[in-house]
Protein backbone atom coordinates (compact mmCIF):
# COMPACT_ATOMS: atom_id res chain seq x y z
CA MET A 1 0.00 0.00 0.00
CA VAL A 2 2.94 2.33 0.69
CA THR A 3 4.14 1.75 -2.86
CA LYS A 4 0.72 2.69 -4.23
CA MET A 5 0.64 5.86 -2.18
CA VAL A 6 4.16 6.86 -3.29
CA SER A 7 3.08 6.26 -6.86
CA LEU A 8 0.00 8.41 -6.25
CA TRP A 9 2.15 11.22 -4.91
CA ASN A 10 4.56 11.01 -7.85
CA SER A 11 1.65 11.23 -10.27
CA MET A 12 0.16 14.24 -8.47
CA GLN A 13 3.31 16.22 -7.63
CA SER A 14 2.88 18.40 -10.72
CA VAL A 15 -0.88 18.74 -10.31
CA GLN A 16 -0.80 22.54 -10.31
CA ILE A 17 1.01 22.65 -13.63
CA ARG A 18 -1.40 20.09 -15.03
CA LEU A 19 -4.44 22.02 -13.84
CA ILE A 20 -3.07 25.20 -15.42
CA CYS A 21 -2.42 23.33 -18.66
CA TYR A 22 -5.91 21.82 -18.66
CA LEU A 23 -7.61 25.16 -18.02
CA LEU A 24 -5.47 26.88 -20.63
CA LEU A 25 -6.29 24.04 -23.00
CA VAL A 26 -9.99 24.73 -22.48
CA MET A 27 -9.33 28.41 -23.13
CA LEU A 28 -7.28 27.78 -26.25
CA PRO A 29 -10.32 27.92 -28.60
CA LEU A 30 -11.36 31.26 -27.07
CA MET A 31 -7.87 32.68 -27.34
CA GLY A 32 -7.49 31.26 -30.85
CA VAL A 33 -10.77 32.80 -32.03
CA SER A 34 -9.85 36.12 -30.40
CA LEU A 35 -6.42 36.22 -31.97
CA TYR A 36 -7.90 35.15 -35.29
CA ALA A 37 -10.44 37.97 -35.03
CA ILE A 38 -7.65 40.46 -34.36
CA ARG A 39 -5.71 39.12 -37.31
CA GLN A 40 -8.73 39.22 -39.61
CA SER A 41 -9.66 42.72 -38.49
CA GLN A 42 -6.14 43.88 -39.30
CA THR A 43 -6.27 42.20 -42.71
CA LEU A 44 -9.69 43.71 -43.41
CA LEU A 45 -8.49 47.10 -42.23
CA ILE A 46 -5.48 46.94 -44.55
CA ARG A 47 -7.68 45.88 -47.46
CA GLN A 48 -10.19 48.68 -46.84
CA THR A 49 -7.45 51.22 -46.24
CA SER A 50 -5.72 50.11 -49.43
CA ASP A 51 -8.89 50.61 -51.45
CA ASN A 52 -9.70 53.94 -49.83
CA VAL A 53 -6.16 55.29 -50.14
CA TYR A 54 -5.90 54.13 -53.74
CA ALA A 55 -9.15 55.91 -54.58
CA ALA A 56 -7.93 59.09 -52.86
CA LEU A 57 -4.55 58.90 -54.59
CA SER A 58 -6.23 58.36 -57.95
CA ALA A 59 -8.41 61.43 -57.39
CA SER A 60 -5.40 63.53 -56.41
CA MET A 61 -3.46 62.22 -59.38
CA ALA A 62 -6.35 63.16 -61.70
CA TYR A 63 -6.44 66.65 -60.15
CA ILE A 64 -2.70 67.13 -60.69
CA ASP A 65 -3.06 65.85 -64.25
CA VAL A 66 -5.71 68.53 -64.86
CA ILE A 67 -3.40 71.19 -63.41
CA MET A 68 -0.45 70.03 -65.47
CA ARG A 69 -2.57 69.88 -68.64
CA SER A 70 -3.72 73.43 -67.94
CA ILE A 71 -0.12 74.58 -67.49
CA GLU A 72 0.82 72.61 -70.60
CA ASN A 73 -1.87 74.41 -72.57
CA ILE A 74 -0.64 77.77 -71.28
CA SER A 75 2.89 77.01 -72.43
CA ILE A 76 1.57 75.87 -75.82
CA LEU A 77 -0.48 79.04 -76.09
CA ILE A 78 2.57 81.22 -75.45
CA ALA A 79 4.89 79.15 -77.67
CA SER A 80 2.45 79.41 -80.61
CA ASP A 81 1.65 83.14 -80.20
CA LYS A 82 2.42 84.64 -83.64
CA GLU A 83 2.92 88.22 -82.46
CA MET A 84 5.27 87.14 -79.70
CA ASN A 85 7.29 84.90 -82.01
CA ASP A 86 7.60 87.76 -84.54
CA MET A 87 8.91 90.16 -81.89
CA LEU A 88 11.45 87.58 -80.71
CA SER A 89 12.71 86.74 -84.19
CA LYS A 90 13.16 90.36 -85.43
CA LYS A 91 16.26 92.34 -84.66
CA GLU A 92 14.89 95.66 -83.50
CA SER A 93 16.48 98.89 -82.43
CA VAL A 94 17.10 99.38 -78.77
CA GLY A 95 13.94 101.35 -78.27
CA ASN A 96 11.81 98.97 -80.23
CA GLU A 97 13.45 96.04 -78.47
CA ILE A 98 12.60 97.43 -75.07
CA PHE A 99 9.05 98.08 -76.23
CA ALA A 100 8.78 94.51 -77.48
CA GLN A 101 10.14 93.12 -74.17
CA VAL A 102 7.66 95.18 -72.19
CA LYS A 103 4.85 93.97 -74.40
CA ILE A 104 5.95 90.34 -73.95
CA MET A 105 6.23 90.88 -70.18
CA ASN A 106 2.71 92.27 -69.95
CA LYS A 107 1.33 89.47 -72.08
CA VAL A 108 2.82 86.58 -70.08
CA GLY A 109 2.14 88.45 -66.84
CA GLY A 110 -1.53 88.52 -67.62
CA ILE A 111 -1.52 84.80 -68.27
CA SER A 112 0.39 83.84 -65.07
CA SER A 113 -1.76 86.01 -62.83
CA VAL A 114 -4.85 83.88 -63.41
CA ASN A 115 -3.19 80.58 -62.38
CA ASP A 116 -2.35 80.00 -58.70
CA PHE A 117 -0.02 77.10 -59.50
CA ILE A 118 2.30 79.28 -61.63
CA SER A 119 4.87 81.43 -59.84
CA ASP A 120 6.40 82.89 -63.00
CA ILE A 121 6.37 82.71 -66.82
CA SER A 122 9.58 83.74 -68.57
CA VAL A 123 10.55 83.96 -72.26
CA PHE A 124 14.19 83.50 -73.26
CA GLN A 125 15.36 85.35 -76.40
CA GLN A 126 18.41 83.59 -77.78
CA GLN A 127 19.52 86.56 -80.00
CA THR A 128 19.90 88.95 -77.10
CA GLY A 129 20.50 86.42 -74.26
CA THR A 130 17.73 88.02 -72.21
CA LEU A 131 15.08 86.48 -69.99
CA VAL A 132 11.79 88.37 -70.02
CA SER A 133 9.81 87.56 -66.86
CA SER A 134 6.19 88.03 -65.95
CA SER A 135 7.24 89.15 -62.46
CA ARG A 136 8.39 92.60 -61.40
CA THR A 137 12.00 91.67 -61.99
CA GLY A 138 11.55 92.48 -65.70
CA VAL A 139 14.40 91.61 -68.06
CA ARG A 140 17.63 89.83 -67.01
CA GLN A 141 20.68 88.78 -68.94
CA VAL A 142 21.33 85.06 -68.61
CA ASP A 143 23.34 82.51 -70.56
CA LEU A 144 21.35 79.32 -71.16
CA LEU A 145 23.10 78.12 -74.30
CA ASP A 146 25.49 75.84 -72.39
CA GLU A 147 22.77 74.22 -70.29
CA SER A 148 22.09 70.59 -71.21
CA TRP A 149 18.36 70.98 -70.73
CA TYR A 150 18.36 74.00 -73.16
CA ARG A 151 19.76 71.89 -75.99
CA ARG A 152 17.39 69.07 -75.13
CA ALA A 153 14.34 71.37 -75.15
CA TYR A 154 15.38 72.68 -78.54
CA ASP A 155 15.81 69.14 -79.87
CA LEU A 156 12.32 68.14 -78.64
CA ARG A 157 10.83 70.55 -81.26
CA GLY A 158 7.97 71.93 -79.23
CA ILE A 159 7.45 69.09 -76.76
CA SER A 160 7.60 70.26 -73.17
CA LEU A 161 10.58 69.37 -70.97
CA LEU A 162 10.43 69.21 -67.17
CA VAL A 163 13.40 70.72 -65.32
CA ASN A 164 13.66 69.99 -61.59
CA PRO A 165 16.16 72.40 -59.89
CA SER A 166 17.50 71.25 -56.53
CA ASP A 167 19.05 74.66 -55.73
CA THR A 168 20.12 77.93 -57.41
CA PRO A 169 23.58 77.77 -59.04
CA ASP A 170 25.81 80.84 -58.96
CA ARG A 171 25.33 81.41 -62.67
CA PHE A 172 21.59 81.88 -62.11
CA LYS A 173 21.77 84.18 -59.07
CA LYS A 174 20.37 87.06 -61.16
CA VAL A 175 17.29 85.00 -62.03
CA ASP A 176 16.89 83.11 -58.73
CA TYR A 177 13.21 84.03 -58.75
CA LEU A 178 12.96 81.40 -61.50
CA PHE A 179 15.78 78.90 -60.94
CA ASN A 180 15.33 77.81 -57.33
CA LYS A 181 14.35 74.71 -55.39
CA ASP A 182 10.81 76.01 -54.82
CA ASN A 183 9.92 75.76 -58.50
CA ILE A 184 9.45 73.07 -61.10
CA LEU A 185 10.18 74.39 -64.62
CA MET A 186 8.25 73.42 -67.74
CA VAL A 187 10.42 74.38 -70.74
CA ARG A 188 9.23 74.46 -74.35
CA ALA A 189 10.72 75.76 -77.61
CA MET A 190 8.92 78.76 -79.17
CA GLY A 191 7.55 78.96 -82.72
CA LEU A 192 4.97 76.21 -82.79
CA ASN A 193 3.10 78.13 -85.57
CA ARG A 194 6.16 78.61 -87.73
CA PRO A 195 7.63 76.27 -90.39
CA GLY A 196 10.81 75.78 -88.38
CA TYR A 197 11.58 75.98 -84.66
CA ASN A 198 13.65 78.82 -83.29
CA PRO A 199 15.98 78.66 -80.32
CA ASN A 200 13.77 80.87 -78.13
CA LEU A 201 12.17 79.24 -75.03
CA VAL A 202 9.13 79.73 -72.87
CA ILE A 203 9.74 78.69 -69.22
CA VAL A 204 6.78 78.17 -66.90
CA ALA A 205 7.68 77.97 -63.15
CA ILE A 206 5.28 75.77 -61.17
CA LYS A 207 5.06 76.21 -57.39
CA ARG A 208 6.12 73.04 -55.55
CA GLN A 209 4.36 74.17 -52.38
CA VAL A 210 1.02 74.56 -54.12
CA LEU A 211 1.36 71.04 -55.54
CA LEU A 212 2.27 69.73 -52.09
CA GLU A 213 -0.70 71.48 -50.50
CA SER A 214 -3.00 69.78 -52.96
CA LEU A 215 -1.53 66.43 -51.84
CA GLU A 216 -1.45 67.07 -48.09
CA GLN A 217 -5.20 66.56 -47.90
CA LEU A 218 -4.32 62.86 -48.21
CA LEU A 219 -2.44 62.95 -44.90
CA GLU A 220 -4.54 61.85 -41.95
CA ASP A 221 -1.80 62.37 -39.37
CA THR A 222 1.51 64.14 -39.02
CA ASP A 223 3.48 60.90 -39.23
CA SER A 224 2.33 60.13 -42.79
CA THR A 225 4.31 61.37 -45.79
CA VAL A 226 3.38 61.90 -49.43
CA TYR A 227 5.65 62.10 -52.47
CA LEU A 228 5.10 63.33 -56.03
CA LEU A 229 7.47 61.89 -58.65
CA SER A 230 7.90 62.64 -62.35
CA ASP A 231 7.79 60.15 -65.18
CA THR A 232 11.56 59.69 -64.74
CA SER A 233 11.08 59.02 -60.98
CA GLU A 234 12.52 62.42 -60.00
CA MET A 235 11.21 63.73 -56.69
CA LEU A 236 9.08 66.80 -57.53
CA THR A 237 7.74 67.53 -54.05
CA SER A 238 7.28 65.67 -50.76
CA SER A 239 6.26 66.16 -47.15
CA GLY A 240 9.02 63.92 -45.80
CA SER A 241 12.75 63.45 -46.10
CA PHE A 242 13.09 59.69 -46.46
CA PHE A 243 12.15 57.71 -49.53
CA SER A 244 13.05 54.29 -50.90
CA ARG A 245 13.40 53.66 -54.63
CA ALA A 246 12.42 50.05 -53.95
CA TRP A 247 8.85 51.25 -53.35
CA LEU A 248 8.53 52.13 -57.02
CA SER A 249 9.83 48.77 -58.22
CA ASP A 250 7.31 46.83 -56.12
CA PRO A 251 4.46 45.71 -58.43
CA ARG A 252 1.84 45.93 -55.67
CA ARG A 253 -0.17 49.10 -55.31
CA SER A 254 -0.24 48.75 -51.48
CA PHE A 255 2.11 46.83 -49.18
CA LEU A 256 3.73 46.77 -45.75
CA THR A 257 7.48 47.40 -45.58
CA ASP A 258 10.18 48.64 -43.22
CA SER A 259 11.11 52.30 -43.23
CA PRO A 260 14.52 53.12 -44.77
CA ASP A 261 16.03 53.65 -41.32
CA GLY A 262 14.40 50.43 -40.02
CA SER A 263 12.74 52.23 -37.10
CA GLN A 264 9.14 51.29 -37.97
CA GLN A 265 6.87 49.53 -40.42
CA LEU A 266 5.14 51.56 -43.11
CA PHE A 267 2.02 51.00 -45.17
CA VAL A 268 2.93 52.26 -48.63
CA SER A 269 0.33 53.06 -51.32
CA LYS A 270 1.07 54.39 -54.79
CA VAL A 271 -0.69 55.36 -58.00
CA THR A 272 0.73 56.27 -61.43
CA SER A 273 -0.98 58.50 -63.99
CA ALA A 274 -1.76 56.81 -67.28
CA SER A 275 -1.37 60.10 -69.21
CA SER A 276 1.65 61.83 -67.62
CA SER A 277 3.28 58.75 -65.95
CA TRP A 278 3.69 60.86 -62.81
CA SER A 279 3.35 58.97 -59.49
CA ILE A 280 2.02 59.76 -56.04
CA VAL A 281 3.36 57.66 -53.13
CA LEU A 282 1.77 57.76 -49.66
CA ALA A 283 3.62 56.22 -46.68
CA GLN A 284 1.69 55.76 -43.43
CA PRO A 285 3.07 54.25 -40.17
CA LYS A 286 1.54 50.88 -39.44
CA SER A 287 0.82 52.02 -35.87
CA SER A 288 -1.32 54.93 -37.03
CA LEU A 289 -3.04 52.68 -39.55
CA TYR A 290 -4.14 50.32 -36.76
CA HIS A 291 -5.14 53.14 -34.45
CA ALA A 292 -8.79 52.80 -35.38
CA SER A 293 -8.93 49.13 -34.34
CA LYS A 294 -6.50 49.49 -31.45
CA GLN A 295 -9.19 49.86 -28.79
CA ILE A 296 -10.99 46.72 -29.97
CA GLN A 297 -7.72 44.80 -30.01
CA GLU A 298 -6.82 46.04 -26.54
CA PHE A 299 -10.26 45.01 -25.28
CA ILE A 300 -9.85 41.50 -26.74
CA ILE A 301 -6.35 41.18 -25.30
CA LEU A 302 -7.65 42.36 -21.92
CA ILE A 303 -10.27 39.61 -22.01
CA ILE A 304 -7.57 37.04 -22.80
CA VAL A 305 -5.33 38.29 -19.96
CA ILE A 306 -8.22 38.26 -17.46
CA SER A 307 -9.14 34.73 -18.58
CA ILE A 308 -5.56 33.55 -18.07
CA LEU A 309 -5.41 35.15 -14.62
CA LEU A 310 -8.71 33.51 -13.68
CA ALA A 311 -7.36 30.17 -14.91
CA LEU A 312 -4.26 30.61 -12.74
CA LEU A 313 -6.39 31.59 -9.74
CA ILE A 314 -8.76 28.65 -10.17
CA SER A 315 -5.86 26.23 -10.66
CA TRP A 316 -4.17 27.60 -7.51
CA ILE A 317 -7.38 27.17 -5.46
CA LEU A 318 -7.85 23.63 -6.74
CA TYR A 319 -4.18 22.92 -6.20
CA ARG A 320 -4.36 24.08 -2.59
CA ARG A 321 -7.49 22.02 -1.96
CA ILE A 322 -5.89 18.89 -3.41
CA THR A 323 -2.20 19.18 -2.52
CA SER A 324 -2.71 20.24 1.10
CA PRO A 325 -3.81 16.73 2.16
CA LEU A 326 -1.34 15.21 -0.30
CA LYS A 327 1.53 17.04 1.41
CA VAL A 328 0.39 15.60 4.74
CA LEU A 329 0.28 12.12 3.20
CA SER A 330 3.70 12.72 1.61
CA TYR A 331 5.12 13.66 5.02
CA GLY A 332 3.71 10.48 6.50
CA MET A 333 5.16 8.33 3.73
CA HIS A 334 8.59 9.91 4.16
CA GLN A 335 8.45 9.16 7.87
CA ILE A 336 7.61 5.52 7.16
CA ARG A 337 10.44 5.28 4.62
CA LYS A 338 12.80 6.54 7.35
CA GLY A 339 11.55 3.79 9.69
CA PHE A 340 9.29 5.87 11.95
CA TYR A 341 6.21 3.66 11.94
CA ASN A 342 4.54 5.42 14.88
CA VAL A 343 3.58 8.39 12.68
CA LYS A 344 -0.08 9.42 12.90
CA LEU A 345 -1.69 11.92 10.55
CA LYS A 346 -4.19 14.49 11.82
CA LYS A 347 -7.46 14.23 9.94
CA LYS A 348 -9.34 17.47 9.33
CA ARG A 349 -11.50 16.43 6.40
CA ASN A 350 -14.45 14.09 5.92
CA ASP A 351 -14.10 13.62 2.16
CA GLU A 352 -12.11 11.05 0.20
CA PHE A 353 -8.84 12.53 1.49
CA GLY A 354 -10.02 12.10 5.06
CA PHE A 355 -10.80 8.45 4.32
CA LEU A 356 -7.34 8.10 2.75
CA MET A 357 -5.68 9.54 5.87
CA ASP A 358 -7.61 7.13 8.09
CA SER A 359 -6.48 4.25 5.88
CA PHE A 360 -2.89 5.51 6.05
CA ASN A 361 -2.95 5.64 9.86
CA GLN A 362 -4.32 2.10 10.01
CA MET A 363 -1.75 0.89 7.50
CA ALA A 364 1.13 2.52 9.45
CA GLU A 365 -0.04 0.89 12.67
CA GLN A 366 -0.32 -2.52 10.99
CA GLN A 367 3.11 -2.09 9.40
CA SER A 368 4.58 -1.25 12.80
CA TYR A 369 3.13 -4.45 14.33
CA LEU A 370 4.22 -6.63 11.40
CA ILE A 371 7.79 -5.26 11.25
CA ARG A 372 8.21 -5.54 15.01
CA ASP A 373 7.02 -9.16 14.94
CA ILE A 374 9.22 -10.09 11.96
CA TYR A 375 12.24 -8.32 13.46
CA GLU A 376 11.84 -10.10 16.77
CA GLN A 377 11.53 -13.42 14.94
CA GLN A 378 14.71 -12.75 12.99
CA ILE A 379 16.60 -11.85 16.15
CA GLN A 380 15.36 -15.02 17.78
CA HIS A 381 16.48 -17.10 14.79
CA ALA A 382 19.86 -15.39 14.80
CA LYS A 383 20.32 -16.10 18.48
CA THR A 384 19.45 -19.73 17.81
CA ASP A 385 22.13 -19.89 15.10
CA LEU A 386 24.62 -18.32 17.50
CA LYS A 387 23.84 -20.93 20.07
CA PHE A 388 24.62 -23.64 17.50
CA LEU A 389 28.08 -22.13 16.99
CA GLN A 390 28.89 -21.61 20.64
CA SER A 391 27.49 -25.05 21.48
CA GLN A 392 25.85 -26.05 24.68
CA ILE A 393 28.65 -26.98 27.06
CA ASN A 394 28.22 -27.33 30.75
CA PRO A 395 30.93 -25.03 32.10
CA HIS A 396 31.45 -26.83 35.45
CA PHE A 397 31.70 -30.26 33.88
CA LEU A 398 34.08 -28.90 31.18
CA TYR A 399 36.36 -27.03 33.59
CA ASN A 400 36.63 -30.03 36.02
CA THR A 401 37.32 -32.50 33.21
CA LEU A 402 40.03 -30.32 31.58
CA ASP A 403 41.60 -29.65 34.98
CA SER A 404 41.81 -33.42 35.71
CA ILE A 405 43.38 -34.09 32.28
CA TYR A 406 45.90 -31.27 32.82
CA TRP A 407 47.14 -32.60 36.19
CA ALA A 408 47.26 -36.16 34.92
CA ALA A 409 49.49 -35.02 32.05
CA ARG A 410 51.73 -33.13 34.45
CA ASN A 411 52.07 -36.24 36.65
CA TYR A 412 53.22 -38.24 33.61
CA GLU A 413 55.44 -35.35 32.47
CA ALA A 414 53.53 -35.04 29.14
CA ASP A 415 54.34 -31.36 28.72
CA GLU A 416 52.79 -30.91 25.27
CA ILE A 417 49.54 -32.53 26.34
CA SER A 418 49.37 -30.46 29.52
CA GLU A 419 50.06 -27.23 27.53
CA MET A 420 47.39 -28.12 24.99
CA VAL A 421 44.83 -28.84 27.70
CA LEU A 422 45.75 -25.61 29.53
CA ASN A 423 45.25 -23.49 26.38
CA LEU A 424 42.00 -25.30 25.61
CA SER A 425 40.75 -24.58 29.12
CA LYS A 426 41.58 -20.89 28.80
CA PHE A 427 40.00 -20.79 25.33
CA PHE A 428 36.68 -22.15 26.56
CA ARG A 429 36.75 -20.06 29.74
CA LEU A 430 37.03 -16.85 27.64
CA SER A 431 34.47 -18.13 25.12
CA LEU A 432 31.82 -18.39 27.77
CA ASN A 433 32.89 -15.05 29.30
CA LYS A 434 30.15 -15.10 31.93
CA GLY A 435 27.38 -14.52 29.39
CA LYS A 436 28.86 -11.38 27.76
CA ASP A 437 28.34 -10.91 24.02
CA THR A 438 31.38 -8.73 23.29
CA PHE A 439 35.14 -8.62 23.76
CA THR A 440 37.54 -5.83 23.09
CA LEU A 441 39.61 -6.52 19.98
CA ALA A 442 42.66 -7.14 22.17
CA GLU A 443 40.73 -9.73 24.26
CA SER A 444 39.41 -11.39 21.11
CA VAL A 445 42.93 -11.79 19.72
CA GLU A 446 44.21 -13.05 23.10
CA HIS A 447 41.44 -15.63 23.04
CA LEU A 448 42.46 -16.63 19.48
CA GLN A 449 46.10 -17.04 20.57
CA TYR A 450 45.08 -19.92 22.89
CA TYR A 451 43.30 -21.57 19.99
CA MET A 452 46.22 -21.02 17.60
CA ARG A 453 48.69 -22.43 20.17
CA ILE A 454 46.56 -25.59 20.43
CA GLN A 455 46.66 -25.92 16.63
CA GLN A 456 50.44 -25.33 16.62
CA LEU A 457 50.89 -28.19 19.06
CA ARG A 458 48.54 -30.37 17.03
CA LEU A 459 50.41 -29.69 13.77
CA LEU A 460 53.86 -29.92 15.42
CA ASP A 461 54.68 -26.25 14.90
CA LYS A 462 54.00 -26.39 11.16
CA PHE A 463 53.14 -22.64 11.16
CA ASP A 464 53.82 -19.48 13.14
CA PHE A 465 51.38 -16.70 13.92
CA GLU A 466 51.85 -12.93 14.26
CA VAL A 467 49.59 -10.24 15.75
CA GLN A 468 49.74 -6.61 14.47
CA LEU A 469 47.07 -4.54 16.21
CA ASP A 470 46.81 -0.76 15.79
CA GLU A 471 46.78 0.90 19.23
CA GLN A 472 43.62 2.84 18.29
CA THR A 473 41.74 -0.41 17.72
CA LYS A 474 42.70 -2.53 20.72
CA GLN A 475 39.94 -1.29 23.03
CA LEU A 476 37.17 -1.27 20.40
CA PRO A 477 34.48 -3.85 21.30
CA ILE A 478 33.51 -6.53 18.79
CA VAL A 479 31.14 -9.49 18.94
CA LYS A 480 32.79 -12.51 20.50
CA LEU A 481 33.76 -15.52 18.39
CA LEU A 482 33.53 -13.32 15.26
CA LEU A 483 37.10 -14.04 14.12
CA GLN A 484 37.37 -17.65 15.36
CA PRO A 485 35.72 -19.28 12.29
CA ILE A 486 37.98 -17.27 9.98
CA VAL A 487 41.15 -18.34 11.83
CA GLU A 488 39.91 -21.93 11.92
CA ASN A 489 39.40 -21.94 8.12
CA ALA A 490 42.84 -20.41 7.59
CA ILE A 491 44.47 -23.25 9.57
CA PHE A 492 42.43 -26.22 8.34
CA HIS A 493 42.03 -25.23 4.68
CA GLY A 494 45.23 -23.28 4.15
CA LEU A 495 48.16 -23.86 6.47
CA GLU A 496 47.53 -27.53 7.34
CA LYS A 497 47.65 -28.48 3.65
CA ARG A 498 51.09 -26.97 3.08
CA ARG A 499 53.80 -29.55 2.38
CA ASP A 500 56.45 -27.72 4.36
CA ASN A 501 56.65 -26.09 7.79
CA GLY A 502 56.93 -22.49 6.61
CA GLY A 503 53.34 -21.52 7.27
CA LYS A 504 52.47 -18.14 8.78
CA LEU A 505 49.21 -16.71 10.07
CA THR A 506 48.89 -12.93 10.59
CA ILE A 507 46.14 -11.03 12.38
CA ALA A 508 46.24 -7.27 11.81
CA SER A 509 43.90 -4.36 12.50
CA GLY A 510 43.58 -0.71 11.52
CA ILE A 511 41.18 2.11 10.77
CA GLU A 512 40.28 2.84 7.15
CA GLY A 513 38.04 5.88 6.74
CA ARG A 514 35.00 5.24 8.95
CA HIS A 515 35.58 1.49 9.38
CA LEU A 516 37.49 -0.76 11.75
CA THR A 517 39.25 -3.35 9.58
CA VAL A 518 40.54 -6.70 10.89
CA MET A 519 42.57 -8.82 8.46
CA VAL A 520 43.34 -12.55 8.80
CA LYS A 521 46.10 -13.53 6.36
CA ASP A 522 47.72 -16.89 5.73
CA ASN A 523 50.27 -18.17 3.23
CA GLY A 524 48.58 -21.54 2.83
CA VAL A 525 47.58 -23.33 -0.35
CA GLY A 526 44.99 -20.67 -1.25
CA MET A 527 42.02 -21.52 -3.46
CA THR A 528 41.15 -21.69 -7.12
CA LYS A 529 39.35 -18.86 -8.94
CA ASP A 530 36.19 -20.93 -9.21
CA ARG A 531 36.14 -21.64 -5.51
CA LEU A 532 36.78 -17.96 -4.71
CA LEU A 533 33.93 -16.85 -6.99
CA TYR A 534 31.64 -19.45 -5.43
CA ILE A 535 32.37 -18.16 -1.90
CA GLN A 536 31.87 -14.55 -2.95
CA ARG A 537 28.52 -15.37 -4.57
CA ARG A 538 27.31 -17.25 -1.51
CA LEU A 539 28.24 -14.31 0.71
CA LEU A 540 26.43 -11.84 -1.57
CA HIS A 541 23.19 -13.74 -0.97
CA ILE A 542 23.37 -12.98 2.74
CA LYS A 543 21.40 -9.80 3.45
CA PRO A 544 20.27 -8.11 6.70
CA GLY A 545 17.76 -10.36 8.42
CA PHE A 546 19.33 -13.57 7.00
CA THR A 547 18.66 -16.72 9.06
CA PHE A 548 19.83 -20.27 8.63
CA VAL A 549 16.42 -21.63 9.62
CA ASN A 550 15.01 -21.06 6.12
CA ASP A 551 18.37 -21.35 4.30
CA ASP A 552 19.09 -24.02 1.70
CA ALA A 553 20.39 -27.41 2.69
CA ASN A 554 24.01 -26.80 1.56
CA PRO A 555 26.12 -27.53 4.62
CA ASP A 556 29.37 -25.94 3.39
CA MET A 557 30.60 -22.52 4.54
CA TYR A 558 28.41 -22.65 7.62
CA GLY A 559 30.96 -20.85 9.82
CA ILE A 560 31.80 -18.13 7.25
CA ARG A 561 28.15 -17.47 6.42
CA ASN A 562 27.45 -17.29 10.15
CA VAL A 563 30.14 -14.61 10.48
CA LYS A 564 28.64 -12.56 7.61
CA ALA A 565 25.10 -12.91 9.02
CA ARG A 566 26.23 -11.83 12.51
CA LEU A 567 28.11 -8.86 11.04
CA LEU A 568 24.98 -7.62 9.30
CA LEU A 569 22.80 -8.36 12.33
CA TYR A 570 24.92 -6.41 14.81
CA TYR A 571 26.50 -3.71 12.63
CA GLY A 572 24.04 -3.11 9.78
CA ASP A 573 24.43 -3.28 6.01
CA ARG A 574 27.59 -1.12 6.02
CA ALA A 575 29.53 -3.99 7.58
CA ASP A 576 31.16 -6.44 5.18
CA LEU A 577 33.25 -9.61 4.87
CA ARG A 578 35.62 -9.91 1.89
CA PHE A 579 37.77 -12.74 0.54
CA GLU A 580 40.94 -12.48 -1.56
CA SER A 581 42.92 -15.55 -2.54
CA SER A 582 45.48 -16.84 -5.05
CA GLU A 583 46.16 -20.50 -5.59
CA SER A 584 49.43 -21.67 -3.92
CA GLU A 585 49.96 -18.18 -2.43
CA GLY A 586 47.45 -17.87 0.38
CA THR A 587 44.22 -16.18 1.42
CA VAL A 588 43.30 -12.83 2.96
CA VAL A 589 39.97 -12.38 4.76
CA SER A 590 38.99 -8.80 5.76
CA VAL A 591 36.28 -7.78 8.20
CA PHE A 592 34.86 -4.24 7.93
CA ILE A 593 32.93 -2.82 10.92
CA PRO A 594 31.50 0.76 10.95
CA LEU A 595 33.14 2.73 13.77
CA ASP A 596 29.91 4.43 14.72
CA ARG A 597 28.32 1.01 15.34
CA THR A 598 31.04 -0.54 17.53
CA ASN A 599 29.42 0.86 20.66
CA LEU A 600 26.25 -1.08 19.75
CA ALA A 601 27.97 -4.43 19.69
């Protein structure tokens, strides 16, 4: 049941995240529809704006075409005026020439005064190099013969030429009322009614500002800009400073693009006149374009945000209602995993979680009873196994019998027999130890020395033994008879089988990290690799709580397995028994006891 509850906790530990995901999943259709509505409204707005702006641009373009056709007609009217052409072609006296210039000035002045788009009309007489203006400036000397646009206008044979000054050069300072950046010049050769064209010109100056004012009605906000371009893509007038030539090459009439400086997105619309090939380009910031639908979008986004916050709040409330009892159950399970089976959960609810807490308390109590019963049974079995090893010897009968044998041997001067009996008597006296379960390490080794001396006498001094105890370990208590089976195996299975008398048995101790280590080493016949692996496997099967009562029927290794079982019983699973052996070289058996558990022995 504990496993099921741990599994339940693992499956519910991310319940808050899951609840949030589930609620957001329910809200996804709402958010999707809302975002789709925003997207569609933006698309519809762009489409409607594109149509409206294109219609407005087309109307403005038609208006400018009418203006330019009117100005074109005025220039044609002047260029074809017979009287004016006659006066320009004749070489008059000074007085007559001045009279003719005044007459020309009055004539073109009357024409320019009725058109608000015209700032000046001037006639250039090639013979005299004079420019007769409709303005109050009168007549000025100017050299136009070297200007590229003059030759081109002459070559066009009466077709108008558009000149777009960007500033006033020094050579035109005397006529800066005409050649300046505020004017667009329409130039045409005179003599349209004559058989051949003459080199005289009529120059009509068109006000850029008036053209711009006619276009600024397209601007809905101060951030928008409008541009008027000629048929050769020259900038005639504009309300802004930045412009991208790529806008003209785009085949679409309306599109979204980045501004030249990359600071914002622009909605660009353009229209081109079919008659003049002039173009109007309108650039509006995307932000101002969406201003009309911004409130609706903000309202929809606000609804989405509020819905998300409500989902988080609801998930938190549900999470608290569910995880609060789960945390209590988790605490109880952790206590049980640590071995505290007397834990009892406080029940404050009468729902399914309250029932679960009641079941947990009952389960913990049952587990406590079961573990205590099983543990006591294991201890009892272990004590029974220990009794088998120590045997059931009547101490008084044993002591009296050994004492009689000892004195009989002394009477017959059998020194070896008397020494053997004396050591055996001391060995058993210390083994019984008045019911104590532990010796210090020094006492345990002293006890083993009696046993080893008996074996030396039995084997006619076939081996020697050596004791190397670290001073820090001598007074550490260990379970009695823990090392005796190991020493016994070393003598019977190792040293006794040597063919010579050079055997040696060494008992050494030390402290390695947090363990007391006791090593029993012999230089006997050792064991094969298969036998070593077999012993190591058998020892690995011995776990805490092992008992021989339910063990298999294999009788071998009884003493060694008893040592490993007692180690785990008294010192826990950090204690260990390890074998190392090489055939014909000997065997090393090491006992590892945790230092912090020696006081529990």
